[in-house]
N, C-alpha and C. Protein backbone atom coordinates (compact mmCIF):
# COMPACT_ATOMS: atom_id res chain seq x y z
N MET A 1 57.24 -115.14 2.92
CA MET A 1 58.52 -115.67 3.39
C MET A 1 59.51 -114.54 3.65
N LEU A 2 59.25 -113.37 3.09
CA LEU A 2 60.19 -112.26 3.28
C LEU A 2 59.85 -111.47 4.54
N THR A 3 59.78 -112.17 5.66
CA THR A 3 59.53 -111.52 6.94
C THR A 3 60.65 -111.88 7.90
N PHE A 4 60.70 -111.18 9.00
CA PHE A 4 61.66 -111.51 10.06
C PHE A 4 60.90 -111.40 11.37
N ARG A 5 60.34 -112.53 11.80
CA ARG A 5 59.46 -112.55 12.97
C ARG A 5 60.23 -112.78 14.26
N LYS A 6 59.52 -112.61 15.35
CA LYS A 6 60.09 -112.77 16.68
C LYS A 6 60.68 -114.17 16.87
N GLU A 7 60.02 -115.21 16.37
CA GLU A 7 60.53 -116.57 16.57
C GLU A 7 61.79 -116.86 15.78
N GLU A 8 62.13 -115.99 14.84
CA GLU A 8 63.37 -116.15 14.08
C GLU A 8 64.56 -115.48 14.77
N ARG A 9 64.30 -114.72 15.81
CA ARG A 9 65.36 -114.03 16.55
C ARG A 9 65.86 -114.93 17.67
N LEU A 10 67.13 -114.96 17.86
CA LEU A 10 67.74 -115.77 18.91
C LEU A 10 67.70 -114.97 20.21
N CYS A 11 66.90 -115.44 21.17
CA CYS A 11 66.71 -114.71 22.43
C CYS A 11 67.07 -115.55 23.65
N SER A 12 67.10 -116.87 23.52
CA SER A 12 67.32 -117.76 24.64
C SER A 12 68.75 -117.63 25.19
N LYS A 13 68.86 -117.24 26.45
CA LYS A 13 70.19 -117.07 27.06
C LYS A 13 70.94 -118.41 27.11
N LYS A 14 70.23 -119.49 27.39
CA LYS A 14 70.86 -120.82 27.41
C LYS A 14 71.45 -121.16 26.05
N LEU A 15 70.66 -120.94 25.03
CA LEU A 15 71.11 -121.26 23.67
C LEU A 15 72.27 -120.36 23.24
N ILE A 16 72.24 -119.09 23.63
CA ILE A 16 73.33 -118.18 23.29
C ILE A 16 74.62 -118.61 23.99
N ASP A 17 74.52 -118.96 25.28
CA ASP A 17 75.70 -119.45 26.02
C ASP A 17 76.24 -120.72 25.38
N ASN A 18 75.34 -121.64 25.04
CA ASN A 18 75.72 -122.90 24.39
C ASN A 18 76.39 -122.62 23.04
N LEU A 19 75.85 -121.67 22.33
CA LEU A 19 76.40 -121.30 21.01
C LEU A 19 77.84 -120.82 21.13
N PHE A 20 78.11 -119.94 22.09
CA PHE A 20 79.46 -119.40 22.23
C PHE A 20 80.43 -120.39 22.85
N SER A 21 79.94 -121.36 23.63
CA SER A 21 80.85 -122.33 24.23
C SER A 21 81.13 -123.52 23.32
N LYS A 22 80.13 -123.98 22.56
CA LYS A 22 80.29 -125.20 21.75
C LYS A 22 80.16 -124.97 20.26
N GLY A 23 79.85 -123.75 19.84
CA GLY A 23 79.60 -123.48 18.44
C GLY A 23 80.85 -123.46 17.59
N LYS A 24 80.66 -123.65 16.30
CA LYS A 24 81.74 -123.55 15.32
C LYS A 24 81.67 -122.16 14.71
N SER A 25 82.81 -121.68 14.20
CA SER A 25 82.81 -120.32 13.67
C SER A 25 83.61 -120.23 12.37
N PHE A 26 83.32 -119.17 11.64
CA PHE A 26 84.08 -118.83 10.44
C PHE A 26 83.95 -117.34 10.20
N TYR A 27 84.82 -116.80 9.36
CA TYR A 27 84.83 -115.38 9.04
C TYR A 27 84.46 -115.16 7.58
N VAL A 28 83.64 -114.17 7.36
CA VAL A 28 83.41 -113.59 6.05
C VAL A 28 83.59 -112.10 6.30
N ARG A 29 84.80 -111.62 6.06
CA ARG A 29 85.17 -110.26 6.46
C ARG A 29 84.14 -109.24 5.98
N PRO A 30 83.69 -108.36 6.80
CA PRO A 30 84.06 -108.02 8.17
C PRO A 30 83.20 -108.71 9.23
N PHE A 31 82.56 -109.82 8.88
CA PHE A 31 81.68 -110.50 9.82
C PHE A 31 82.30 -111.79 10.34
N LYS A 32 81.98 -112.11 11.59
CA LYS A 32 82.30 -113.41 12.16
C LYS A 32 80.97 -114.10 12.43
N VAL A 33 80.89 -115.38 12.08
CA VAL A 33 79.67 -116.14 12.28
C VAL A 33 79.98 -117.31 13.20
N VAL A 34 79.17 -117.45 14.25
CA VAL A 34 79.25 -118.59 15.15
C VAL A 34 77.93 -119.33 15.02
N TRP A 35 77.99 -120.63 14.77
CA TRP A 35 76.77 -121.40 14.53
C TRP A 35 76.80 -122.75 15.24
N ILE A 36 75.62 -123.32 15.41
CA ILE A 36 75.49 -124.63 16.02
C ILE A 36 74.20 -125.27 15.52
N ASP A 37 74.26 -126.57 15.27
CA ASP A 37 73.05 -127.34 14.97
C ASP A 37 72.34 -127.61 16.28
N THR A 38 71.07 -127.36 16.33
CA THR A 38 70.33 -127.56 17.57
C THR A 38 68.86 -127.78 17.28
N GLN A 39 68.15 -128.27 18.25
CA GLN A 39 66.70 -128.39 18.16
C GLN A 39 66.10 -127.14 18.79
N LEU A 40 65.33 -126.42 18.03
CA LEU A 40 64.70 -125.19 18.50
C LEU A 40 63.27 -125.48 18.91
N GLU A 41 62.73 -124.69 19.83
CA GLU A 41 61.35 -124.87 20.27
C GLU A 41 60.35 -124.23 19.31
N THR A 42 60.85 -123.62 18.25
CA THR A 42 59.98 -122.92 17.31
C THR A 42 59.92 -123.69 15.99
N PRO A 43 58.89 -123.43 15.19
CA PRO A 43 58.78 -124.13 13.90
C PRO A 43 59.74 -123.62 12.82
N VAL A 44 60.41 -122.50 13.06
CA VAL A 44 61.32 -121.95 12.05
C VAL A 44 62.61 -122.78 12.00
N PRO A 45 63.23 -122.89 10.83
CA PRO A 45 64.45 -123.71 10.72
C PRO A 45 65.70 -123.05 11.29
N ALA A 46 65.71 -121.73 11.48
CA ALA A 46 66.92 -121.06 11.97
C ALA A 46 66.56 -119.87 12.84
N GLN A 47 67.42 -119.65 13.84
CA GLN A 47 67.31 -118.44 14.65
C GLN A 47 68.64 -117.70 14.55
N VAL A 48 68.57 -116.38 14.52
CA VAL A 48 69.77 -115.58 14.30
C VAL A 48 69.82 -114.41 15.27
N LEU A 49 71.04 -114.04 15.62
CA LEU A 49 71.31 -112.89 16.47
C LEU A 49 72.34 -112.02 15.76
N MET A 50 72.10 -110.72 15.71
CA MET A 50 73.03 -109.79 15.08
C MET A 50 73.71 -108.98 16.17
N LEU A 51 75.05 -108.92 16.14
CA LEU A 51 75.81 -108.16 17.14
C LEU A 51 76.70 -107.14 16.46
N VAL A 52 76.67 -105.93 16.98
CA VAL A 52 77.58 -104.88 16.56
C VAL A 52 78.16 -104.30 17.84
N GLY A 53 79.47 -104.39 18.00
CA GLY A 53 80.11 -104.05 19.26
C GLY A 53 80.19 -102.57 19.56
N LYS A 54 80.06 -102.27 20.83
CA LYS A 54 80.18 -100.89 21.31
C LYS A 54 81.62 -100.40 21.21
N ARG A 55 82.56 -101.34 21.20
CA ARG A 55 83.98 -100.98 21.11
C ARG A 55 84.28 -100.22 19.81
N HIS A 56 83.67 -100.68 18.71
CA HIS A 56 83.95 -100.07 17.41
C HIS A 56 83.03 -98.91 17.08
N PHE A 57 81.78 -98.98 17.55
CA PHE A 57 80.79 -97.94 17.25
C PHE A 57 80.22 -97.43 18.56
N LYS A 58 80.73 -96.29 19.01
CA LYS A 58 80.34 -95.74 20.32
C LYS A 58 78.89 -95.28 20.35
N ASN A 59 78.42 -94.73 19.25
CA ASN A 59 77.06 -94.19 19.21
C ASN A 59 76.04 -95.28 18.90
N ALA A 60 74.99 -95.34 19.70
CA ALA A 60 73.94 -96.34 19.52
C ALA A 60 73.26 -96.17 18.16
N VAL A 61 73.19 -94.95 17.69
CA VAL A 61 72.58 -94.68 16.38
C VAL A 61 73.30 -95.46 15.28
N ASP A 62 74.63 -95.45 15.32
CA ASP A 62 75.43 -96.16 14.32
C ASP A 62 75.25 -97.67 14.45
N ARG A 63 75.29 -98.18 15.68
CA ARG A 63 75.12 -99.62 15.90
C ARG A 63 73.76 -100.08 15.40
N ASN A 64 72.73 -99.34 15.73
CA ASN A 64 71.37 -99.72 15.33
C ASN A 64 71.19 -99.67 13.82
N LYS A 65 71.80 -98.69 13.18
CA LYS A 65 71.71 -98.58 11.72
C LYS A 65 72.35 -99.79 11.05
N ILE A 66 73.51 -100.19 11.55
CA ILE A 66 74.19 -101.36 10.97
C ILE A 66 73.38 -102.62 11.21
N LYS A 67 72.81 -102.77 12.42
CA LYS A 67 71.99 -103.95 12.71
C LYS A 67 70.74 -103.99 11.82
N ARG A 68 70.15 -102.82 11.57
CA ARG A 68 68.99 -102.78 10.66
C ARG A 68 69.37 -103.23 9.26
N ARG A 69 70.55 -102.79 8.80
CA ARG A 69 71.01 -103.22 7.47
C ARG A 69 71.23 -104.72 7.41
N ILE A 70 71.84 -105.27 8.46
CA ILE A 70 72.09 -106.72 8.49
C ILE A 70 70.77 -107.47 8.51
N ARG A 71 69.83 -107.03 9.35
CA ARG A 71 68.53 -107.69 9.44
C ARG A 71 67.79 -107.66 8.10
N GLU A 72 67.82 -106.51 7.45
CA GLU A 72 67.12 -106.37 6.17
C GLU A 72 67.75 -107.28 5.11
N ALA A 73 69.06 -107.31 5.03
CA ALA A 73 69.73 -108.18 4.05
C ALA A 73 69.41 -109.63 4.35
N TYR A 74 69.43 -110.02 5.62
CA TYR A 74 69.11 -111.40 6.01
C TYR A 74 67.66 -111.73 5.64
N ARG A 75 66.75 -110.82 5.93
CA ARG A 75 65.33 -111.03 5.64
C ARG A 75 65.11 -111.29 4.16
N LYS A 76 65.81 -110.55 3.30
CA LYS A 76 65.62 -110.69 1.86
C LYS A 76 66.29 -111.93 1.29
N LYS A 77 67.37 -112.41 1.90
CA LYS A 77 68.18 -113.46 1.30
C LYS A 77 68.08 -114.83 1.99
N LYS A 78 67.28 -114.96 3.03
CA LYS A 78 67.28 -116.19 3.84
C LYS A 78 66.55 -117.36 3.20
N SER A 79 65.74 -117.13 2.18
CA SER A 79 64.83 -118.16 1.69
C SER A 79 65.55 -119.42 1.19
N LEU A 80 66.66 -119.29 0.47
CA LEU A 80 67.36 -120.49 -0.02
C LEU A 80 67.94 -121.30 1.13
N PHE A 81 68.46 -120.63 2.14
CA PHE A 81 68.99 -121.32 3.32
C PHE A 81 67.87 -122.01 4.08
N TYR A 82 66.73 -121.35 4.21
CA TYR A 82 65.58 -121.96 4.89
C TYR A 82 65.09 -123.19 4.13
N ASP A 83 65.06 -123.09 2.79
CA ASP A 83 64.63 -124.24 1.98
C ASP A 83 65.55 -125.43 2.21
N TYR A 84 66.85 -125.17 2.22
CA TYR A 84 67.82 -126.25 2.46
C TYR A 84 67.60 -126.89 3.82
N LEU A 85 67.47 -126.07 4.87
CA LEU A 85 67.28 -126.61 6.22
C LEU A 85 65.97 -127.39 6.33
N SER A 86 64.92 -126.90 5.71
CA SER A 86 63.62 -127.60 5.75
C SER A 86 63.70 -128.95 5.05
N GLN A 87 64.37 -128.99 3.90
CA GLN A 87 64.49 -130.24 3.15
C GLN A 87 65.33 -131.26 3.90
N SER A 88 66.37 -130.80 4.59
CA SER A 88 67.24 -131.73 5.31
C SER A 88 66.73 -132.02 6.72
N GLY A 89 65.68 -131.32 7.15
CA GLY A 89 65.10 -131.56 8.46
C GLY A 89 65.97 -131.10 9.61
N LYS A 90 66.77 -130.08 9.39
CA LYS A 90 67.68 -129.58 10.43
C LYS A 90 67.21 -128.24 10.94
N GLN A 91 67.73 -127.88 12.11
CA GLN A 91 67.53 -126.55 12.65
C GLN A 91 68.87 -126.01 13.10
N CYS A 92 69.01 -124.70 13.08
CA CYS A 92 70.31 -124.07 13.30
C CYS A 92 70.11 -122.76 14.05
N ALA A 93 71.09 -122.44 14.89
CA ALA A 93 71.13 -121.13 15.55
C ALA A 93 72.48 -120.52 15.24
N PHE A 94 72.50 -119.24 14.93
CA PHE A 94 73.78 -118.60 14.63
C PHE A 94 73.78 -117.12 14.97
N VAL A 95 75.00 -116.60 15.11
CA VAL A 95 75.23 -115.20 15.44
C VAL A 95 76.05 -114.58 14.32
N ILE A 96 75.66 -113.40 13.88
CA ILE A 96 76.44 -112.64 12.91
C ILE A 96 76.99 -111.43 13.66
N MET A 97 78.33 -111.36 13.76
CA MET A 97 78.97 -110.27 14.50
C MET A 97 79.80 -109.43 13.55
N LEU A 98 79.68 -108.13 13.68
CA LEU A 98 80.54 -107.23 12.91
C LEU A 98 81.84 -107.06 13.68
N THR A 99 82.97 -107.33 13.02
CA THR A 99 84.25 -107.31 13.72
C THR A 99 85.13 -106.12 13.36
N SER A 100 84.73 -105.32 12.39
CA SER A 100 85.59 -104.19 12.01
C SER A 100 84.97 -102.88 12.46
N ALA A 101 85.77 -101.83 12.45
CA ALA A 101 85.32 -100.52 12.89
C ALA A 101 84.88 -99.64 11.73
N GLU A 102 84.93 -100.17 10.52
CA GLU A 102 84.56 -99.35 9.37
C GLU A 102 83.09 -99.57 9.03
N LYS A 103 82.43 -98.50 8.64
CA LYS A 103 81.03 -98.60 8.23
C LYS A 103 80.99 -99.20 6.83
N ILE A 104 80.04 -100.11 6.62
CA ILE A 104 79.91 -100.71 5.29
C ILE A 104 78.54 -100.37 4.72
N SER A 105 78.48 -100.28 3.42
CA SER A 105 77.23 -99.91 2.75
C SER A 105 76.24 -101.07 2.78
N TYR A 106 74.99 -100.76 2.46
CA TYR A 106 73.97 -101.80 2.44
C TYR A 106 74.26 -102.83 1.34
N GLN A 107 74.73 -102.38 0.19
CA GLN A 107 75.03 -103.30 -0.91
C GLN A 107 76.12 -104.28 -0.49
N GLU A 108 77.14 -103.79 0.17
CA GLU A 108 78.23 -104.65 0.64
C GLU A 108 77.71 -105.63 1.70
N THR A 109 76.86 -105.13 2.60
CA THR A 109 76.27 -105.98 3.63
C THR A 109 75.48 -107.11 3.01
N GLU A 110 74.68 -106.77 2.00
CA GLU A 110 73.86 -107.78 1.33
C GLU A 110 74.71 -108.85 0.67
N LYS A 111 75.79 -108.46 0.01
CA LYS A 111 76.70 -109.44 -0.61
C LYS A 111 77.30 -110.37 0.43
N LYS A 112 77.71 -109.80 1.55
CA LYS A 112 78.34 -110.60 2.61
C LYS A 112 77.34 -111.55 3.26
N ILE A 113 76.09 -111.11 3.42
CA ILE A 113 75.06 -111.98 4.00
C ILE A 113 74.79 -113.17 3.08
N VAL A 114 74.77 -112.93 1.78
CA VAL A 114 74.60 -114.03 0.82
C VAL A 114 75.75 -115.03 0.97
N LEU A 115 76.99 -114.52 1.06
CA LEU A 115 78.14 -115.40 1.24
C LEU A 115 78.05 -116.17 2.55
N ILE A 116 77.61 -115.50 3.61
CA ILE A 116 77.47 -116.16 4.92
C ILE A 116 76.46 -117.30 4.84
N LEU A 117 75.32 -117.06 4.21
CA LEU A 117 74.28 -118.10 4.13
C LEU A 117 74.75 -119.27 3.26
N GLN A 118 75.47 -118.99 2.18
CA GLN A 118 76.02 -120.07 1.36
C GLN A 118 77.05 -120.87 2.14
N ARG A 119 77.88 -120.19 2.89
CA ARG A 119 78.90 -120.87 3.69
C ARG A 119 78.27 -121.71 4.80
N LEU A 120 77.21 -121.18 5.43
CA LEU A 120 76.49 -121.95 6.45
C LEU A 120 75.92 -123.23 5.86
N GLN A 121 75.36 -123.12 4.66
CA GLN A 121 74.80 -124.30 4.01
C GLN A 121 75.90 -125.32 3.72
N SER A 122 77.05 -124.88 3.22
CA SER A 122 78.13 -125.82 2.92
C SER A 122 78.69 -126.43 4.21
N GLU A 123 78.75 -125.65 5.30
CA GLU A 123 79.20 -126.18 6.58
C GLU A 123 78.23 -127.25 7.10
N HIS A 124 76.95 -127.03 6.91
CA HIS A 124 75.95 -128.02 7.32
C HIS A 124 76.11 -129.31 6.50
N GLU A 125 76.35 -129.14 5.21
CA GLU A 125 76.53 -130.32 4.35
C GLU A 125 77.77 -131.10 4.76
N LYS A 126 78.84 -130.38 5.11
CA LYS A 126 80.08 -131.06 5.58
C LYS A 126 79.81 -131.80 6.88
N ASN A 127 79.06 -131.18 7.77
CA ASN A 127 78.76 -131.78 9.08
C ASN A 127 77.92 -133.03 8.97
N SER A 128 76.99 -133.04 8.01
CA SER A 128 76.10 -134.20 7.90
C SER A 128 76.80 -135.40 7.27
N ASN A 129 77.91 -135.17 6.59
CA ASN A 129 78.64 -136.29 5.95
C ASN A 129 79.61 -136.93 6.90
């Protein structure tokens, strides 16, 4: 379960456009999360896209390093969120965007990803009621 496969990555341009036009959002500083309940063509319960803007980090090396940290933290912490989605029979697509220009450590990233996944679960529970 501690993998991050191709089918877990959000690649569909239609779905990404739909996500940004109709999705709901929240902030867990320094991240912004945009999410939407949707039916995915894959068996996985969630698809995710990680964005780090060129505006804040000019060098691709820095952007890629931050994205690797986010992916790794997500890969390690996604299991409880996946269990919840599987039990409730839902599927979700979301984007995690870094909104600040400061570099954050891996430990801080991991804490924030846990908070994001908990918040996504509570948002799903609110939506279903």
